[in-house]
Protein backbone atom coordinates (compact mmCIF):
# COMPACT_ATOMS: atom_id res chain seq x y z
CA UNK A 1 -162.28 27.88 -121.26
CA UNK A 2 -164.03 24.85 -119.36
CA UNK A 3 -161.14 22.93 -116.86
CA UNK A 4 -162.07 18.90 -118.17
CA UNK A 5 -162.75 17.76 -114.45
CA UNK A 6 -165.96 20.45 -114.15
CA UNK A 7 -167.26 19.77 -117.51
CA UNK A 8 -167.09 15.42 -116.93
CA UNK A 9 -168.80 15.83 -113.89
CA UNK A 10 -171.13 18.22 -114.60
CA UNK A 11 -172.47 18.98 -117.83
CA UNK A 12 -174.41 16.01 -118.43
CA UNK A 13 -174.46 13.38 -115.03
CA UNK A 14 -177.56 13.37 -114.09
CA UNK A 15 -178.98 12.11 -117.33
CA UNK A 16 -176.65 9.82 -117.52
CA UNK A 17 -177.79 8.18 -114.52
CA UNK A 18 -181.14 9.21 -113.76
CA UNK A 19 -182.84 9.63 -117.44
CA UNK A 20 -181.39 8.22 -119.61
CA UNK A 21 -184.35 8.01 -122.45
CA UNK A 22 -185.07 11.65 -121.61
CA UNK A 23 -181.15 12.39 -123.72
CA UNK A 24 -183.60 10.74 -126.76
CA UNK A 25 -183.50 13.52 -129.95
CA UNK A 26 -184.84 13.20 -132.94
CA UNK A 27 -182.45 11.55 -136.25
CA UNK A 28 -182.48 14.44 -138.72
CA UNK A 29 -182.88 17.45 -138.67
CA UNK A 30 -181.13 21.41 -138.39
CA UNK A 31 -177.81 21.60 -135.68
CA UNK A 32 -176.21 24.24 -133.92
CA UNK A 33 -172.34 23.23 -133.24
CA UNK A 34 -170.34 25.31 -130.80
CA UNK A 35 -166.81 24.90 -129.78
CA UNK A 36 -165.68 24.80 -126.18
CA UNK A 37 -162.42 24.47 -125.69
CA UNK A 38 -161.32 21.88 -122.62
CA UNK A 39 -157.87 21.84 -120.26
CA UNK A 40 -157.11 18.03 -120.52
CA UNK A 41 -155.31 16.11 -118.17
CA UNK A 42 -152.02 17.05 -119.24
CA UNK A 43 -152.23 20.59 -119.40
CA UNK A 44 -152.94 20.94 -122.54
CA UNK A 45 -156.07 22.29 -124.46
CA UNK A 46 -158.23 21.57 -126.51
CA UNK A 47 -161.57 21.84 -128.59
CA UNK A 48 -164.37 19.68 -128.75
CA UNK A 49 -167.99 19.76 -130.85
CA UNK A 50 -170.74 20.77 -128.24
CA UNK A 51 -174.24 21.33 -129.44
CA UNK A 52 -177.21 19.28 -129.08
CA UNK A 53 -175.94 16.12 -128.06
CA UNK A 54 -172.35 16.40 -130.10
CA UNK A 55 -169.48 14.73 -130.41
CA UNK A 56 -167.99 16.71 -126.73
CA UNK A 57 -170.63 16.14 -124.69
CA UNK A 58 -171.41 12.03 -125.50
CA UNK A 59 -167.06 12.28 -124.18
CA UNK A 60 -168.35 14.15 -120.85
CA UNK A 61 -170.89 11.78 -120.36
CA UNK A 62 -168.44 8.53 -120.73
CA UNK A 63 -166.51 10.80 -118.86
CA UNK A 64 -168.51 11.14 -115.88
CA UNK A 65 -170.05 7.71 -116.02
CA UNK A 66 -166.47 5.73 -116.37
CA UNK A 67 -165.32 7.48 -113.04
CA UNK A 68 -167.93 5.71 -111.33
CA UNK A 69 -167.53 2.85 -108.44
CA UNK A 70 -166.95 -0.49 -110.12
CA UNK A 71 -169.16 -1.72 -107.32
CA UNK A 72 -171.79 -0.30 -109.29
CA UNK A 73 -170.55 -2.55 -112.23
CA UNK A 74 -173.93 -4.31 -112.66
CA UNK A 75 -176.07 -2.03 -112.11
CA UNK A 76 -174.72 0.53 -114.69
CA UNK A 77 -174.08 -1.87 -117.03
CA UNK A 78 -177.61 -3.02 -117.00
CA UNK A 79 -179.00 0.03 -116.79
CA UNK A 80 -177.15 1.32 -120.19
CA UNK A 81 -178.29 -2.07 -121.63
CA UNK A 82 -181.72 -1.46 -120.69
CA UNK A 83 -181.45 2.21 -122.61
CA UNK A 84 -179.75 0.73 -125.36
CA UNK A 85 -181.94 1.66 -128.24
CA UNK A 86 -182.68 5.59 -126.89
CA UNK A 87 -178.56 6.13 -126.37
CA UNK A 88 -175.93 7.20 -127.58
CA UNK A 89 -174.17 3.62 -128.83
CA UNK A 90 -171.38 4.99 -127.21
CA UNK A 91 -172.09 4.48 -123.70
CA UNK A 92 -172.48 0.61 -124.31
CA UNK A 93 -168.64 0.67 -124.96
CA UNK A 94 -168.95 1.64 -121.26
CA UNK A 95 -171.77 -0.96 -120.51
CA UNK A 96 -169.50 -4.06 -122.06
CA UNK A 97 -166.67 -2.79 -120.04
CA UNK A 98 -168.34 -3.06 -116.92
CA UNK A 99 -170.55 -6.63 -118.50
CA UNK A 100 -167.05 -7.86 -118.67
CA UNK A 101 -166.18 -8.49 -114.19
CA UNK A 102 -169.56 -10.91 -114.19
CA UNK A 103 -170.49 -11.06 -117.87
CA UNK A 104 -168.02 -11.99 -119.64
CA UNK A 105 -170.63 -13.53 -122.82
CA UNK A 106 -172.63 -10.50 -122.49
CA UNK A 107 -169.43 -8.03 -122.61
CA UNK A 108 -168.49 -9.69 -125.77
CA UNK A 109 -172.20 -9.15 -127.30
CA UNK A 110 -172.45 -6.00 -125.94
CA UNK A 111 -169.37 -4.88 -127.66
CA UNK A 112 -170.38 -5.99 -130.90
CA UNK A 113 -173.37 -4.02 -130.64
CA UNK A 114 -171.94 -0.64 -129.57
CA UNK A 115 -169.20 -1.66 -132.23
CA UNK A 116 -172.26 -2.69 -134.80
CA UNK A 117 -174.50 0.70 -134.12
CA UNK A 118 -171.21 3.26 -133.73
CA UNK A 119 -170.24 2.00 -137.57
CA UNK A 120 -173.52 2.44 -138.66
CA UNK A 121 -174.55 5.43 -137.01
CA UNK A 122 -170.87 6.96 -138.79
CA UNK A 123 -172.11 5.80 -142.39
CA UNK A 124 -175.04 7.19 -142.45
CA UNK A 125 -172.97 11.02 -141.84
CA UNK A 126 -172.64 13.08 -144.93
CA UNK A 127 -168.52 13.96 -143.89
CA UNK A 128 -167.18 10.48 -144.39
CA UNK A 129 -164.31 11.68 -141.21
CA UNK A 130 -167.37 10.87 -139.09
CA UNK A 131 -165.97 7.26 -139.04
CA UNK A 132 -162.73 8.12 -138.13
CA UNK A 133 -164.45 8.88 -134.19
CA UNK A 134 -165.21 4.68 -134.50
CA UNK A 135 -161.75 3.25 -132.97
CA UNK A 136 -161.55 6.14 -129.88
CA UNK A 137 -165.41 5.18 -128.74
CA UNK A 138 -164.03 1.48 -129.55
CA UNK A 139 -161.23 1.81 -127.15
CA UNK A 140 -162.81 2.82 -124.10
CA UNK A 141 -164.40 -0.54 -123.63
CA UNK A 142 -160.97 -1.42 -122.27
CA UNK A 143 -158.83 -4.18 -121.53
CA UNK A 144 -161.37 -5.78 -119.99
CA UNK A 145 -163.33 -6.74 -122.79
CA UNK A 146 -160.22 -7.04 -125.31
CA UNK A 147 -159.29 -10.32 -122.68
CA UNK A 148 -162.34 -11.70 -123.37
CA UNK A 149 -161.24 -11.61 -127.37
CA UNK A 150 -157.72 -12.28 -127.62
CA UNK A 151 -156.67 -15.27 -129.98
CA UNK A 152 -154.39 -17.64 -129.01
CA UNK A 153 -153.24 -21.24 -129.00
CA UNK A 154 -154.43 -21.90 -125.36
CA UNK A 155 -157.66 -23.51 -124.56
CA UNK A 156 -158.57 -20.89 -122.91
CA UNK A 157 -158.09 -18.24 -126.05
CA UNK A 158 -160.59 -21.06 -128.16
CA UNK A 159 -162.82 -20.30 -125.32
CA UNK A 160 -163.04 -16.30 -126.45
CA UNK A 161 -163.63 -16.97 -130.06
CA UNK A 162 -167.01 -19.53 -129.46
CA UNK A 163 -168.08 -16.57 -127.44
CA UNK A 164 -167.31 -13.92 -129.71
CA UNK A 165 -168.91 -16.19 -132.81
CA UNK A 166 -172.00 -16.75 -130.77
CA UNK A 167 -171.90 -13.17 -130.44
CA UNK A 168 -172.50 -12.15 -133.74
CA UNK A 169 -174.53 -15.28 -133.87
CA UNK A 170 -176.92 -13.79 -131.55
CA UNK A 171 -176.62 -10.83 -133.62
CA UNK A 172 -177.13 -11.52 -137.10
CA UNK A 173 -179.94 -13.04 -135.53
CA UNK A 174 -182.42 -10.95 -133.74
CA UNK A 175 -181.31 -7.49 -136.01
CA UNK A 176 -180.00 -5.48 -132.94
CA UNK A 177 -177.21 -3.74 -134.62
CA UNK A 178 -180.09 -1.14 -136.44
CA UNK A 179 -182.59 -1.10 -134.04
CA UNK A 180 -181.47 1.81 -131.98
CA UNK A 181 -183.72 5.36 -132.09
CA UNK A 182 -180.80 7.47 -131.32
CA UNK A 183 -179.82 9.91 -133.97
CA UNK A 184 -176.62 9.98 -135.39
CA UNK A 185 -175.89 13.53 -134.82
CA UNK A 186 -173.50 12.23 -131.69
CA UNK A 187 -170.51 10.80 -133.85
CA UNK A 188 -171.32 13.55 -137.10
CA UNK A 189 -170.24 15.42 -135.33
CA UNK A 190 -167.01 14.40 -134.73
CA UNK A 191 -166.50 15.14 -138.16
CA UNK A 192 -164.46 17.46 -139.62
CA UNK A 193 -167.10 19.45 -141.03
CA UNK A 194 -169.24 19.82 -138.43
CA UNK A 195 -165.72 20.66 -136.58
CA UNK A 196 -165.52 23.93 -139.70
CA UNK A 197 -169.28 24.64 -138.81
CA UNK A 198 -168.72 24.92 -134.91
CA UNK A 199 -165.79 27.09 -135.61
CA UNK A 200 -167.83 29.74 -138.03
CA UNK A 201 -170.78 29.19 -135.84
CA UNK A 202 -172.81 28.27 -138.89
CA UNK A 203 -176.02 26.04 -137.93
CA UNK A 204 -175.56 22.48 -139.91
CA UNK A 205 -179.26 21.56 -142.09
CA UNK A 206 -179.80 18.11 -141.42
CA UNK A 207 -178.64 17.51 -145.48
CA UNK A 208 -175.10 19.24 -144.37
CA UNK A 209 -174.92 16.23 -141.74
CA UNK A 210 -176.89 13.61 -142.29
CA UNK A 211 -177.15 11.42 -145.21
CA UNK A 212 -180.49 11.15 -147.60
CA UNK A 213 -182.31 8.23 -145.51
CA UNK A 214 -182.73 6.48 -149.10
CA UNK A 215 -179.09 5.18 -149.38
CA UNK A 216 -179.16 3.97 -145.51
CA UNK A 217 -179.56 0.28 -147.15
CA UNK A 218 -176.22 0.60 -148.28
CA UNK A 219 -174.95 1.82 -144.89
CA UNK A 220 -177.12 -1.31 -143.42
CA UNK A 221 -175.14 -3.87 -145.68
CA UNK A 222 -171.53 -2.12 -145.42
CA UNK A 223 -171.57 -3.23 -141.66
CA UNK A 224 -173.82 -6.45 -142.86
CA UNK A 225 -170.55 -7.16 -144.87
CA UNK A 226 -168.57 -6.52 -142.18
CA UNK A 227 -170.29 -8.70 -139.37
CA UNK A 228 -170.11 -11.23 -142.14
CA UNK A 229 -166.03 -11.26 -142.43
CA UNK A 230 -166.23 -11.05 -139.06
CA UNK A 231 -168.27 -15.11 -138.66
CA UNK A 232 -166.55 -16.23 -141.26
CA UNK A 233 -163.33 -15.53 -139.62
CA UNK A 234 -163.95 -17.46 -136.56
CA UNK A 235 -165.70 -20.07 -137.68
CA UNK A 236 -162.15 -21.13 -140.47
CA UNK A 237 -160.74 -20.52 -136.66
CA UNK A 238 -162.87 -23.07 -135.29
CA UNK A 239 -163.27 -25.43 -138.14
CA UNK A 240 -159.21 -25.87 -137.82
CA UNK A 241 -159.29 -26.39 -133.85
CA UNK A 242 -161.93 -28.55 -133.82
CA UNK A 243 -160.36 -30.56 -136.99
CA UNK A 244 -157.14 -30.72 -134.54
CA UNK A 245 -158.99 -32.09 -132.33
CA UNK A 246 -160.40 -34.98 -133.97
CA UNK A 247 -157.00 -35.99 -134.99
CA UNK A 248 -155.08 -36.01 -132.13
């Protein structure tokens, strides 16, 4: 059994802050998942899939990063963002959380980038239960980012609407959601099938955890459609607010 504090504090701290680019892995190939038992802060135990940069290891690294002092917000946010193509998309939620303390526009942009990349990675996994990991890492951005995305009838929330629209427009223009180079394994290993394989100490060939590359364009279209729906909803909100302002 591994205590959670020891697991998170010592597993990949050096990689998280000194050599993020070195964590880049081959996109496909055979993986060798294993289970590790972790004692949580409430005293309960649970098991996580680890091995080859799997789900449990990503969560552990995020725990290390979240424990760093908030005086390092700018340093950590920029380090993570600059390494965005060579790290799991999950880490960008931490970058967004840190950006929120000094650059709300960038915080919202990085949040949507992280969300789009995490969803794209999950949709490329053979087991659809991998998508269950997306809301888990999304929530790690926390209330700091959410405060710049809330929509209500006050003027500040209208600023939030235009901020979100600008972020989504920027993503559509630069196509950055699909330029990440890190393997989807980090979230595919959150799926039920990988957990079962780890329980049985069974290796997973590429065709047992990753969809064939010829179907990846369909995953990309699904992400693009999701982003387009969000942009359309925000455009309606902005239009309604502008009409209301013109009538006053």
